[in-house]
Amino acid sequence: MTASETPPPLLTDADELARFAEVVRRAGRVAVDTEFVWERTYRPRLGVVQLAAGDACVIVDALALPDLSPLFPLLRDPALPVVLHGGGQDLEIFAEMMAAPIRGVVDTQVAAAFVGYGHQPGLGTLLEQVLKVRVRKDQTYSDWTRRPLKPEQLVYARLDVLHLLPLWDRLRQEIEGRGRLVWAEEEMRLLEDPARYTPLPDDERYRAVGGWQRLKPRELAALRELAAWRERAARRANVRPGFIANDVVLRTIAARPPATLDELAGIRGLTRGTVDRHGRDVLAALEAGARCPRERWPELPKRGHRQPSGLVTLLRTAVQAVALDHDVASEVIATGRDLEALAALTAAPGTAEEPAVLRGWRRVLVGETLLALARGEVAIRYDPERREVRMDEAVARPDPAS
C-alpha cells in the first residue's frame, strides 16, 4: 500500500482535536472540507470533517466527536486563511454550529473563475488543470454516517483537502500576476457576510414556495400561515419540508382552501397519513390566514418597468465580450437578473437598488461600460478583422425628420 493509499488519522477524541488545532495555529492556515448526508433530514447530518495544515492531514469523526469547538477560534480568526473548494454548504454548516460565519475564507472555486478556469469548476477538474494531479471520486455517494468508516472512505476524504493549499498557492500566483487579487478577495469576503447564514423567519418562508408570486394577496396570507406551519412541522420531525407537503400542494390549498378534513384529503399530493397527522393543523393555518386583516396581507412583488427592447441582450453580449477579453467567467461578472435590474434601472432611474454589477470590482471591470451602453453613449459591433466584439463611442444618427 502506497503512502497516498494509507488511510489518514481518524480523530475521535477531544484532546486529539485540540492538539491538531495547535498544528493549524502554527501552520497559519488550514484546508477544510466536510462530508454529510442530507437526503431526508431537516438539516445536514455531518459525518466527517477533513482538515489539512502544513504536512499533516486528519479526518475528524463528527459523530464520535460532535463538539468541534477547539476549531472555532481558528475558523473565526480573519488572519488565518481557511481554504475550501465550492464551500457554500460547508460554510453554512459551520456558521450554524458556531453561531457565526467562518472568517478568512478562501474558496478555490471562486478564485479559479478570475483566471480563466470557468464558472464553478469541479475540484478534480481544477486539480488536473492547475497541478496536473488526478484524484479518484469513487466515494461520492458513500453514507458518511455509517460506522465503521471504511479505509477507502478515509483515503477519498483526505483527497478533498490534501491538495487544496498548494492549489490556492498556484491560483494566487496567477491572480496576483494579473493584478486581480483585490477582486478575488472582495468576492470572497461576501462569503463571510452573516446575512448569508441568517435563517429565513418562519413567517417569511412563503417567499421560498415556488410560484408564490402568482397568488393574490388574500391567498398569500393563507400561504404564509401554511408555509410557517410546514417549516415548524418539518423541524419537529427532522425531515425536509417537502416530505411534509410539497410546494404545489401548499399553493393549491392556499388558492382553494378546503373547509373540512374530507375536502383536504381530496387534495392531490396529500396522503391519508399526512391528513391524519397534520390535517387539523392545516385547517388551523388556513383559518389564521382567513382572519388576517387586509392591511397585513403580504405584498406582491412590484412589477418592474418595461425594459427597453433588446437592451438586456446587448448588455449580456457586452459582459461576454469583456469576460472573454479578460479571461474571467461571465457568470461571475453578472447574472441575468443583474442585467435585467440594470435595464430596469435605466428605464426608471432611482426606482431600485443598484445591482451587484454596478458595485466594487464589477463596476470597474464592466459596470461603467454597461451604463454607457444603456445610455446610448457606446455602440457595440463585431470586428471581422480582429474576430471580436468591440464597443466604441456611439455615433449620433441623423434625425430622419430633418
Protein backbone atom coordinates (compact mmCIF):
# COMPACT_ATOMS: atom_id res chain seq x y z
CA MET A 1 0.00 0.00 0.00
CA THR A 2 1.48 3.37 -1.04
CA ALA A 3 1.57 6.42 1.24
CA SER A 4 -1.27 8.01 -0.74
CA GLU A 5 -3.39 4.89 -0.20
CA THR A 6 -2.73 4.71 3.54
CA PRO A 7 -5.79 5.97 5.48
CA PRO A 8 -5.15 9.24 7.33
CA PRO A 9 -5.56 9.53 11.12
CA LEU A 10 -9.19 9.45 12.26
CA LEU A 11 -9.76 11.72 15.25
CA THR A 12 -12.42 10.61 17.72
CA ASP A 13 -11.15 12.27 20.90
CA ALA A 14 -11.42 15.91 22.03
CA ASP A 15 -7.77 16.00 23.11
CA GLU A 16 -6.67 14.80 19.69
CA LEU A 17 -8.67 17.56 18.05
CA ALA A 18 -7.25 20.18 20.41
CA ARG A 19 -3.71 19.04 19.57
CA PHE A 20 -4.41 19.30 15.86
CA ALA A 21 -5.85 22.78 16.40
CA GLU A 22 -2.38 23.74 17.68
CA VAL A 23 -0.86 22.30 14.50
CA VAL A 24 -3.19 24.54 12.49
CA ARG A 25 -2.30 27.57 14.58
CA ARG A 26 1.42 27.02 13.98
CA ALA A 27 0.88 26.42 10.25
CA GLY A 28 -1.06 29.67 9.95
CA ARG A 29 -3.74 28.31 7.60
CA VAL A 30 -5.96 25.28 7.11
CA ALA A 31 -7.79 23.45 4.33
CA VAL A 32 -11.31 22.28 5.23
CA ASP A 33 -13.95 20.05 3.72
CA THR A 34 -16.94 18.15 5.08
CA GLU A 35 -18.86 15.03 4.18
CA PHE A 36 -22.52 14.91 5.21
CA VAL A 37 -25.82 13.25 4.46
CA TRP A 38 -28.86 15.37 3.65
CA GLU A 39 -31.36 13.32 1.73
CA ARG A 40 -34.19 13.38 4.27
CA THR A 41 -33.21 15.25 7.44
CA TYR A 42 -34.20 18.85 8.17
CA ARG A 43 -30.55 19.84 8.47
CA PRO A 44 -27.44 18.16 7.04
CA ARG A 45 -26.13 15.34 9.24
CA LEU A 46 -22.40 15.87 9.43
CA GLY A 47 -20.33 12.71 9.06
CA VAL A 48 -16.70 13.76 8.91
CA VAL A 49 -14.60 16.92 8.70
CA GLN A 50 -11.34 16.83 6.74
CA LEU A 51 -8.50 19.13 7.78
CA ALA A 52 -5.07 19.76 6.28
CA ALA A 53 -2.39 22.05 7.69
CA GLY A 54 1.32 22.06 6.94
CA ASP A 55 2.26 18.47 6.09
CA ALA A 56 -0.49 16.98 8.27
CA CYS A 57 -3.93 15.78 7.23
CA VAL A 58 -6.60 14.29 9.52
CA ILE A 59 -10.23 13.22 9.38
CA VAL A 60 -12.49 14.16 12.30
CA ASP A 61 -15.29 11.72 13.10
CA ALA A 62 -18.13 14.21 13.66
CA LEU A 63 -20.41 11.52 15.10
CA ALA A 64 -17.93 10.37 17.72
CA LEU A 65 -16.79 13.94 18.28
CA PRO A 66 -19.75 16.30 17.65
CA ASP A 67 -18.15 19.12 19.70
CA LEU A 68 -15.78 20.79 17.25
CA SER A 69 -15.30 23.89 19.40
CA PRO A 70 -11.47 23.54 19.57
CA LEU A 71 -11.52 24.61 15.91
CA PHE A 72 -13.81 27.60 16.35
CA PRO A 73 -11.20 30.21 17.40
CA LEU A 74 -9.18 29.30 14.30
CA LEU A 75 -12.15 29.43 11.97
CA ARG A 76 -13.22 32.81 13.38
CA ASP A 77 -9.74 34.34 13.01
CA PRO A 78 -9.70 36.58 9.89
CA ALA A 79 -5.89 36.42 9.86
CA LEU A 80 -5.89 32.64 9.43
CA PRO A 81 -6.91 31.60 5.89
CA VAL A 82 -9.49 28.81 5.68
CA VAL A 83 -9.24 27.22 2.24
CA LEU A 84 -12.20 25.34 0.76
CA HIS A 85 -13.45 24.44 -2.70
CA GLY A 86 -17.06 25.23 -3.59
CA GLY A 87 -17.57 25.57 0.13
CA GLY A 88 -21.08 27.04 0.31
CA GLN A 89 -22.61 24.14 2.21
CA ASP A 90 -19.53 23.70 4.42
CA LEU A 91 -19.72 27.38 5.36
CA GLU A 92 -23.42 27.05 6.22
CA ILE A 93 -22.79 24.01 8.43
CA PHE A 94 -20.06 25.78 10.40
CA ALA A 95 -21.96 29.08 10.59
CA GLU A 96 -24.84 27.28 12.28
CA MET A 97 -22.51 25.29 14.51
CA MET A 98 -20.54 28.37 15.64
CA ALA A 99 -23.44 30.85 15.52
CA ALA A 100 -21.08 32.97 13.40
CA PRO A 101 -19.59 32.66 9.91
CA ILE A 102 -16.08 31.43 9.16
CA ARG A 103 -13.64 34.29 8.61
CA GLY A 104 -10.60 34.36 6.33
CA VAL A 105 -12.47 32.34 3.70
CA VAL A 106 -10.55 31.32 0.57
CA ASP A 107 -12.64 29.43 -1.98
CA THR A 108 -10.54 27.98 -4.78
CA GLN A 109 -13.63 27.59 -6.97
CA VAL A 110 -14.28 31.33 -6.72
CA ALA A 111 -10.60 32.11 -7.27
CA ALA A 112 -10.42 29.94 -10.40
CA ALA A 113 -13.13 31.99 -12.12
CA PHE A 114 -10.84 35.04 -12.11
CA VAL A 115 -8.04 33.37 -14.08
CA GLY A 116 -9.78 31.56 -16.89
CA TYR A 117 -10.82 28.21 -15.42
CA GLY A 118 -14.51 28.81 -15.97
CA HIS A 119 -17.53 29.07 -13.73
CA GLN A 120 -17.67 26.67 -10.76
CA PRO A 121 -15.10 24.11 -11.93
CA GLY A 122 -15.10 20.84 -10.01
CA LEU A 123 -12.17 20.12 -7.72
CA GLY A 124 -10.98 17.13 -9.75
CA THR A 125 -11.02 19.10 -12.98
CA LEU A 126 -9.22 22.06 -11.41
CA LEU A 127 -6.52 19.92 -9.79
CA GLU A 128 -5.83 18.26 -13.11
CA GLN A 129 -5.64 21.58 -14.97
CA VAL A 130 -3.60 23.52 -12.41
CA LEU A 131 -1.47 20.97 -10.54
CA LYS A 132 -1.59 18.08 -13.05
CA VAL A 133 -2.92 15.91 -10.23
CA ARG A 134 -5.64 13.33 -10.80
CA VAL A 135 -7.90 12.26 -7.94
CA ARG A 136 -10.45 9.48 -7.80
CA LYS A 137 -14.06 10.38 -7.00
CA ASP A 138 -15.35 6.89 -6.25
CA GLN A 139 -16.91 7.52 -2.83
CA THR A 140 -19.14 10.47 -3.69
CA TYR A 141 -22.32 8.66 -2.67
CA SER A 142 -20.95 6.98 0.46
CA ASP A 143 -23.08 7.06 3.59
CA TRP A 144 -20.80 9.12 5.81
CA THR A 145 -22.95 8.44 8.87
CA ARG A 146 -22.46 4.66 8.86
CA ARG A 147 -19.83 3.26 11.17
CA PRO A 148 -17.22 1.95 10.99
CA LEU A 149 -15.84 4.09 8.20
CA LYS A 150 -14.02 2.08 5.55
CA PRO A 151 -10.31 2.73 4.80
CA GLU A 152 -11.18 3.67 1.22
CA GLN A 153 -13.62 6.29 2.51
CA LEU A 154 -10.89 7.89 4.61
CA VAL A 155 -8.46 7.90 1.68
CA TYR A 156 -11.11 9.50 -0.52
CA ALA A 157 -11.99 12.11 2.12
CA ARG A 158 -8.34 13.11 2.50
CA LEU A 159 -8.03 13.82 -1.23
CA ASP A 160 -10.62 16.59 -0.93
CA VAL A 161 -8.24 18.65 1.24
CA LEU A 162 -4.79 17.20 0.53
CA HIS A 163 -4.10 19.43 -2.48
CA LEU A 164 -6.18 22.49 -1.55
CA LEU A 165 -3.33 24.53 -0.05
CA PRO A 166 -0.92 24.09 -2.98
CA LEU A 167 -3.85 24.66 -5.36
CA TRP A 168 -4.57 28.01 -3.69
CA ASP A 169 -0.87 28.92 -3.80
CA ARG A 170 -0.79 28.37 -7.57
CA LEU A 171 -4.08 30.16 -8.19
CA ARG A 172 -2.97 33.08 -6.05
CA GLN A 173 0.19 33.43 -8.14
CA GLU A 174 -1.91 33.58 -11.30
CA ILE A 175 -4.37 36.04 -9.77
CA GLU A 176 -1.61 38.31 -8.49
CA GLY A 177 0.14 38.10 -11.86
CA ARG A 178 -2.98 39.51 -13.49
CA GLY A 179 -3.50 42.16 -10.81
CA ARG A 180 -6.82 40.67 -9.66
CA LEU A 181 -6.15 39.71 -6.07
CA VAL A 182 -8.28 42.62 -4.81
CA TRP A 183 -11.16 41.42 -6.99
CA ALA A 184 -10.93 37.85 -5.70
CA GLU A 185 -10.62 38.95 -2.07
CA GLU A 186 -13.63 41.25 -2.43
CA GLU A 187 -15.66 38.35 -3.77
CA MET A 188 -14.56 36.01 -1.01
CA ARG A 189 -15.41 38.50 1.73
CA LEU A 190 -19.01 38.20 0.57
CA LEU A 191 -18.86 34.57 1.74
CA GLU A 192 -18.32 35.85 5.29
CA ASP A 193 -21.42 38.05 5.36
CA PRO A 194 -23.57 36.97 8.33
CA ALA A 195 -26.70 37.78 6.32
CA ARG A 196 -25.95 34.79 4.06
CA TYR A 197 -26.39 32.46 7.01
CA THR A 198 -29.34 34.08 8.77
CA PRO A 199 -32.28 31.66 8.58
CA LEU A 200 -35.42 32.93 6.91
CA PRO A 201 -38.06 33.62 9.61
CA ASP A 202 -40.94 31.17 9.54
CA ASP A 203 -43.41 33.89 8.58
CA GLU A 204 -41.26 34.68 5.52
CA ARG A 205 -40.98 31.07 4.34
CA TYR A 206 -43.81 31.55 1.86
CA ARG A 207 -41.37 33.50 -0.30
CA ALA A 208 -39.42 30.27 -0.81
CA VAL A 209 -42.51 28.46 -2.12
CA GLY A 210 -42.22 28.09 -5.87
CA GLY A 211 -44.73 30.24 -7.76
CA TRP A 212 -45.87 32.27 -4.73
CA GLN A 213 -45.89 35.42 -6.83
CA ARG A 214 -48.82 34.06 -8.86
CA LEU A 215 -51.20 34.13 -5.88
CA LYS A 216 -53.43 37.01 -4.83
CA PRO A 217 -52.71 38.92 -1.60
CA ARG A 218 -55.57 37.21 0.28
CA GLU A 219 -54.27 33.81 -0.85
CA LEU A 220 -50.74 34.81 0.17
CA ALA A 221 -51.99 35.38 3.71
CA ALA A 222 -53.06 31.73 3.76
CA LEU A 223 -49.82 30.59 2.12
CA ARG A 224 -47.80 32.46 4.75
CA GLU A 225 -49.52 30.52 7.51
CA LEU A 226 -49.21 27.23 5.65
CA ALA A 227 -45.51 27.66 4.89
CA ALA A 228 -44.78 28.58 8.52
CA TRP A 229 -46.71 25.52 9.72
CA ARG A 230 -44.83 23.25 7.27
CA GLU A 231 -41.46 24.59 8.48
CA ARG A 232 -42.32 24.02 12.13
CA ALA A 233 -43.63 20.53 11.41
CA ALA A 234 -40.52 19.61 9.41
CA ARG A 235 -38.24 20.92 12.15
CA ARG A 236 -40.06 18.85 14.80
CA ALA A 237 -39.99 15.70 12.68
CA ASN A 238 -36.42 16.32 11.44
CA VAL A 239 -37.38 15.87 7.78
CA ARG A 240 -37.18 18.03 4.69
CA PRO A 241 -40.21 20.36 4.44
CA GLY A 242 -41.09 18.83 1.08
CA PHE A 243 -41.71 15.50 2.81
CA ILE A 244 -44.50 17.14 4.83
CA ALA A 245 -46.16 18.75 1.81
CA ASN A 246 -44.67 19.96 -1.46
CA ASP A 247 -44.94 23.48 -2.86
CA VAL A 248 -47.68 22.62 -5.36
CA VAL A 249 -49.87 21.29 -2.54
CA LEU A 250 -49.34 24.43 -0.45
CA ARG A 251 -50.21 26.71 -3.37
CA THR A 252 -53.29 24.64 -4.21
CA ILE A 253 -54.57 24.70 -0.63
CA ALA A 254 -53.91 28.45 -0.31
CA ALA A 255 -55.74 29.24 -3.56
CA ARG A 256 -58.71 26.90 -2.90
CA PRO A 257 -58.90 26.39 0.87
CA PRO A 258 -60.67 23.17 1.91
CA ALA A 259 -63.14 23.58 4.77
CA THR A 260 -63.07 20.04 6.18
CA LEU A 261 -60.67 17.16 6.66
CA ASP A 262 -62.54 15.19 3.98
CA GLU A 263 -62.06 18.02 1.49
CA LEU A 264 -58.40 18.24 2.50
CA ALA A 265 -58.00 14.50 1.89
CA GLY A 266 -59.17 15.10 -1.68
CA ILE A 267 -56.18 17.31 -2.45
CA ARG A 268 -53.88 15.55 -4.88
CA GLY A 269 -50.43 15.09 -3.39
CA LEU A 270 -51.58 14.69 0.21
CA THR A 271 -51.61 11.15 1.57
CA ARG A 272 -54.23 9.96 4.02
CA GLY A 273 -51.50 9.56 6.61
CA THR A 274 -50.45 13.20 6.18
CA VAL A 275 -54.04 14.34 6.58
CA ASP A 276 -54.46 12.19 9.70
CA ARG A 277 -51.25 13.59 11.25
CA HIS A 278 -51.43 17.20 10.13
CA GLY A 279 -54.94 17.88 8.84
CA ARG A 280 -56.18 19.87 11.83
CA ASP A 281 -53.03 21.99 11.83
CA VAL A 282 -53.52 22.73 8.13
CA LEU A 283 -57.13 23.83 8.69
CA ALA A 284 -56.00 25.97 11.65
CA ALA A 285 -53.36 27.62 9.46
CA LEU A 286 -55.97 28.35 6.81
CA GLU A 287 -58.29 29.82 9.43
CA ALA A 288 -55.47 32.07 10.70
CA GLY A 289 -54.85 33.23 7.14
CA ALA A 290 -58.55 33.95 6.61
CA ARG A 291 -58.64 36.06 9.81
CA CYS A 292 -55.65 38.13 8.72
CA PRO A 293 -56.75 41.76 8.19
CA ARG A 294 -56.25 43.26 4.75
CA GLU A 295 -53.53 45.64 5.94
CA ARG A 296 -51.39 42.66 6.96
CA TRP A 297 -51.73 40.74 3.72
CA PRO A 298 -48.33 40.05 2.11
CA GLU A 299 -47.46 42.36 -0.74
CA LEU A 300 -46.85 41.06 -4.21
CA PRO A 301 -43.50 41.99 -5.80
CA LYS A 302 -43.64 45.29 -7.58
CA ARG A 303 -43.73 44.89 -11.31
CA GLY A 304 -40.63 46.31 -12.88
CA HIS A 305 -40.79 49.00 -15.51
CA ARG A 306 -40.88 47.72 -19.05
CA GLN A 307 -37.32 47.20 -20.16
CA PRO A 308 -36.10 48.79 -23.37
CA SER A 309 -36.43 46.29 -26.21
CA GLY A 310 -33.24 44.28 -26.77
CA LEU A 311 -31.22 46.08 -24.11
CA VAL A 312 -30.67 43.02 -21.91
CA THR A 313 -29.38 41.12 -24.94
CA LEU A 314 -26.91 43.92 -25.68
CA LEU A 315 -25.79 44.03 -22.04
CA ARG A 316 -25.27 40.29 -22.00
CA THR A 317 -23.20 40.48 -25.17
CA ALA A 318 -21.06 43.23 -23.65
CA VAL A 319 -20.47 41.16 -20.50
CA GLN A 320 -19.48 38.12 -22.56
CA ALA A 321 -17.08 40.24 -24.61
CA VAL A 322 -15.42 41.66 -21.50
CA ALA A 323 -15.29 38.21 -19.90
CA LEU A 324 -13.59 36.76 -22.97
CA ASP A 325 -11.17 39.67 -23.19
CA HIS A 326 -10.18 39.41 -19.50
CA ASP A 327 -10.45 35.62 -19.17
CA VAL A 328 -12.98 35.87 -16.33
CA ALA A 329 -16.09 33.69 -16.13
CA SER A 330 -19.02 35.77 -17.38
CA GLU A 331 -21.37 34.20 -14.81
CA VAL A 332 -19.21 35.64 -12.03
CA ILE A 333 -19.31 39.12 -13.56
CA ALA A 334 -23.09 39.43 -13.90
CA THR A 335 -26.14 37.20 -13.70
CA GLY A 336 -29.13 37.54 -15.98
CA ARG A 337 -31.05 39.02 -13.06
CA ASP A 338 -28.32 41.67 -12.62
CA LEU A 339 -28.65 42.70 -16.25
CA GLU A 340 -32.44 42.81 -16.08
CA ALA A 341 -32.17 45.00 -12.98
CA LEU A 342 -29.73 47.31 -14.74
CA ALA A 343 -32.02 47.61 -17.75
CA ALA A 344 -34.99 48.39 -15.47
CA LEU A 345 -32.92 50.94 -13.57
CA THR A 346 -32.01 52.62 -16.85
CA ALA A 347 -35.66 52.81 -17.84
CA ALA A 348 -36.65 54.35 -14.49
CA PRO A 349 -33.63 55.80 -12.62
CA GLY A 350 -33.81 55.79 -8.84
CA THR A 351 -36.59 53.21 -8.61
CA ALA A 352 -34.46 50.27 -7.45
CA GLU A 353 -31.23 49.41 -5.67
CA GLU A 354 -28.14 49.24 -7.82
CA PRO A 355 -27.42 45.65 -8.92
CA ALA A 356 -24.15 43.95 -7.98
CA VAL A 357 -22.67 44.63 -11.41
CA LEU A 358 -22.57 48.35 -10.52
CA ARG A 359 -20.62 47.80 -7.31
CA GLY A 360 -16.99 47.09 -6.41
CA TRP A 361 -14.69 45.37 -8.89
CA ARG A 362 -17.58 44.61 -11.24
CA ARG A 363 -18.28 48.30 -11.75
CA VAL A 364 -14.61 48.91 -12.54
CA LEU A 365 -14.41 45.99 -14.95
CA VAL A 366 -17.69 46.36 -16.83
CA GLY A 367 -20.33 48.31 -14.91
CA GLU A 368 -19.46 51.74 -16.27
CA THR A 369 -19.39 50.33 -19.79
CA LEU A 370 -22.82 48.78 -19.33
CA LEU A 371 -24.21 52.08 -18.09
CA ALA A 372 -22.76 53.88 -21.09
CA LEU A 373 -24.21 51.22 -23.41
CA ALA A 374 -27.64 51.56 -21.80
CA ARG A 375 -27.48 55.36 -22.20
CA GLY A 376 -26.60 55.07 -25.86
CA GLU A 377 -23.12 56.51 -25.30
CA VAL A 378 -21.39 53.35 -26.53
CA ALA A 379 -22.08 51.27 -29.63
CA ILE A 380 -21.38 47.55 -29.83
CA ARG A 381 -20.21 45.90 -33.03
CA TYR A 382 -18.37 42.88 -34.37
CA ASP A 383 -14.90 43.48 -35.80
CA PRO A 384 -14.37 40.84 -38.53
CA GLU A 385 -10.63 41.56 -38.79
CA ARG A 386 -9.98 41.01 -35.09
CA ARG A 387 -12.80 38.48 -34.83
CA GLU A 388 -14.09 40.02 -31.64
CA VAL A 389 -16.92 42.12 -30.29
CA ARG A 390 -15.92 45.74 -29.76
CA MET A 391 -17.51 48.69 -28.05
CA ASP A 392 -16.92 52.13 -29.49
CA GLU A 393 -18.17 55.62 -28.79
CA ALA A 394 -21.61 55.89 -30.28
CA VAL A 395 -22.06 57.96 -33.43
CA ALA A 396 -25.17 60.10 -33.46
CA ARG A 397 -27.61 59.08 -36.18
CA PRO A 398 -29.12 61.77 -38.39
CA ASP A 399 -32.62 62.86 -37.45
CA PRO A 400 -34.95 61.36 -40.11
CA ALA A 401 -37.24 64.37 -39.72
CA SER A 402 -34.55 66.80 -40.87
